[in-house]
C-alpha atoms as a PDB file:
ATOM      1  CA  MET A   1      25.469 -64.338 -12.003  1.00  0.00           C
ATOM      2  CA  SER A   2      28.419 -66.778 -10.055  1.00  0.00           C
ATOM      3  CA  ASN A   3      31.236 -65.633  -8.416  1.00  0.00           C
ATOM      4  CA  GLN A   4      32.723 -69.021  -8.551  1.00  0.00           C
ATOM      5  CA  GLN A   5      36.639 -69.602  -9.052  1.00  0.00           C
ATOM      6  CA  TYR A   6      37.785 -72.549 -10.317  1.00  0.00           C
ATOM      7  CA  GLY A   7      41.159 -74.353 -10.151  1.00  0.00           C
ATOM      8  CA  ARG A   8      43.949 -73.364 -12.696  1.00  0.00           C
ATOM      9  CA  LEU A   9      45.922 -76.115 -11.687  1.00  0.00           C
ATOM     10  CA  ALA A  10      43.472 -78.896 -11.042  1.00  0.00           C
ATOM     11  CA  LEU A  11      42.307 -78.579 -14.636  1.00  0.00           C
ATOM     12  CA  LYS A  12      45.873 -78.369 -16.044  1.00  0.00           C
ATOM     13  CA  PHE A  13      47.366 -80.793 -14.417  1.00  0.00           C
ATOM     14  CA  CYS A  14      44.490 -83.545 -14.051  1.00  0.00           C
ATOM     15  CA  GLN A  15      42.011 -81.773 -16.784  1.00  0.00           C
ATOM     16  CA  VAL A  16      39.496 -81.569 -14.145  1.00  0.00           C
ATOM     17  CA  SER A  17      37.250 -78.168 -13.354  1.00  0.00           C
ATOM     18  CA  LEU A  18      36.901 -78.097  -9.954  1.00  0.00           C
ATOM     19  CA  PRO A  19      35.514 -74.676  -7.618  1.00  0.00           C
ATOM     20  CA  LEU A  20      38.039 -73.284  -5.253  1.00  0.00           C
ATOM     21  CA  GLN A  21      37.806 -73.684  -1.899  1.00  0.00           C
ATOM     22  CA  VAL A  22      39.920 -73.130   1.693  1.00  0.00           C
ATOM     23  CA  LEU A  23      41.798 -76.466   3.114  1.00  0.00           C
ATOM     24  CA  LYS A  24      43.401 -77.579   5.765  1.00  0.00           C
ATOM     25  CA  SER A  25      46.946 -79.057   6.123  1.00  0.00           C
ATOM     26  CA  ASN A  26      49.603 -80.131   8.573  1.00  0.00           C
ATOM     27  CA  ALA A  27      50.981 -77.035   7.141  1.00  0.00           C
ATOM     28  CA  GLY A  28      48.173 -74.495   7.106  1.00  0.00           C
ATOM     29  CA  PHE A  29      44.964 -73.464   5.216  1.00  0.00           C
ATOM     30  CA  TYR A  30      45.474 -72.947   1.967  1.00  0.00           C
ATOM     31  CA  ILE A  31      43.810 -71.960  -1.366  1.00  0.00           C
ATOM     32  CA  GLY A  32      42.842 -75.677  -3.262  1.00  0.00           C
ATOM     33  CA  THR A  33      40.437 -77.739  -5.071  1.00  0.00           C
ATOM     34  CA  ARG A  34      39.380 -81.230  -3.871  1.00  0.00           C
ATOM     35  CA  ASP A  35      36.852 -83.275  -5.249  1.00  0.00           C
ATOM     36  CA  ASP A  36      34.915 -87.035  -3.531  1.00  0.00           C
ATOM     37  CA  GLU A  37      38.671 -88.562  -2.650  1.00  0.00           C
ATOM     38  CA  GLY A  38      40.372 -85.426  -1.852  1.00  0.00           C
ATOM     39  CA  PRO A  39      42.204 -82.988  -2.470  1.00  0.00           C
ATOM     40  CA  VAL A  40      43.259 -82.550  -5.979  1.00  0.00           C
ATOM     41  CA  SER A  41      45.549 -79.423  -5.629  1.00  0.00           C
ATOM     42  CA  ARG A  42      47.148 -76.608  -4.098  1.00  0.00           C
ATOM     43  CA  GLU A  43      46.555 -72.963  -6.064  1.00  0.00           C
ATOM     44  CA  SER A  44      47.710 -70.840  -3.219  1.00  0.00           C
ATOM     45  CA  ASP A  45      51.711 -70.311  -2.928  1.00  0.00           C
ATOM     46  CA  CYS A  46      51.578 -69.749   0.530  1.00  0.00           C
ATOM     47  CA  TYR A  47      49.730 -70.923   3.754  1.00  0.00           C
ATOM     48  CA  PHE A  48      47.649 -68.587   5.623  1.00  0.00           C
ATOM     49  CA  ALA A  49      47.669 -69.033  10.204  1.00  0.00           C
ATOM     50  CA  SER A  50      43.608 -69.321  10.093  1.00  0.00           C
ATOM     51  CA  ARG A  51      40.247 -70.517   7.580  1.00  0.00           C
ATOM     52  CA  GLU A  52      39.423 -67.201   8.439  1.00  0.00           C
ATOM     53  CA  GLU A  53      42.565 -65.570   6.874  1.00  0.00           C
ATOM     54  CA  ALA A  54      42.728 -67.817   3.655  1.00  0.00           C
ATOM     55  CA  GLU A  55      38.799 -67.479   3.556  1.00  0.00           C
ATOM     56  CA  GLN A  56      39.036 -63.464   3.128  1.00  0.00           C
ATOM     57  CA  ALA A  57      41.650 -64.099   0.475  1.00  0.00           C
ATOM     58  CA  LEU A  58      39.583 -66.339  -1.298  1.00  0.00           C
ATOM     59  CA  ALA A  59      36.494 -63.812  -1.388  1.00  0.00           C
ATOM     60  CA  SER A  60      38.316 -60.831  -1.984  1.00  0.00           C
ATOM     61  CA  ASP A  61      40.242 -62.545  -4.561  1.00  0.00           C
ATOM     62  CA  ASP A  62      43.504 -61.530  -3.683  1.00  0.00           C
ATOM     63  CA  TRP A  63      46.214 -64.414  -2.504  1.00  0.00           C
ATOM     64  CA  PRO A  64      49.386 -65.066  -4.494  1.00  0.00           C
ATOM     65  CA  ARG A  65      48.916 -68.181  -7.211  1.00  0.00           C
ATOM     66  CA  LEU A  66      50.995 -70.943  -7.157  1.00  0.00           C
ATOM     67  CA  VAL A  67      52.870 -71.455 -10.781  1.00  0.00           C
ATOM     68  CA  MET A  68      53.922 -74.013 -12.714  1.00  0.00           C
END
């Protein structure tokens, strides 16, 4: 059984079902989605100070969602 989570905003605005993952931008690490061309959506309402912090939040499903 898979515990894979998918991006709600990517589906809502881009009509694509993409798995959530930890991504990096100039502002820091965030939970979002990407495809072969690059980032598609930022799903977390915050940036994390480290990749480890973001990965732990994603794994525990304990992170603030961006609401649009």
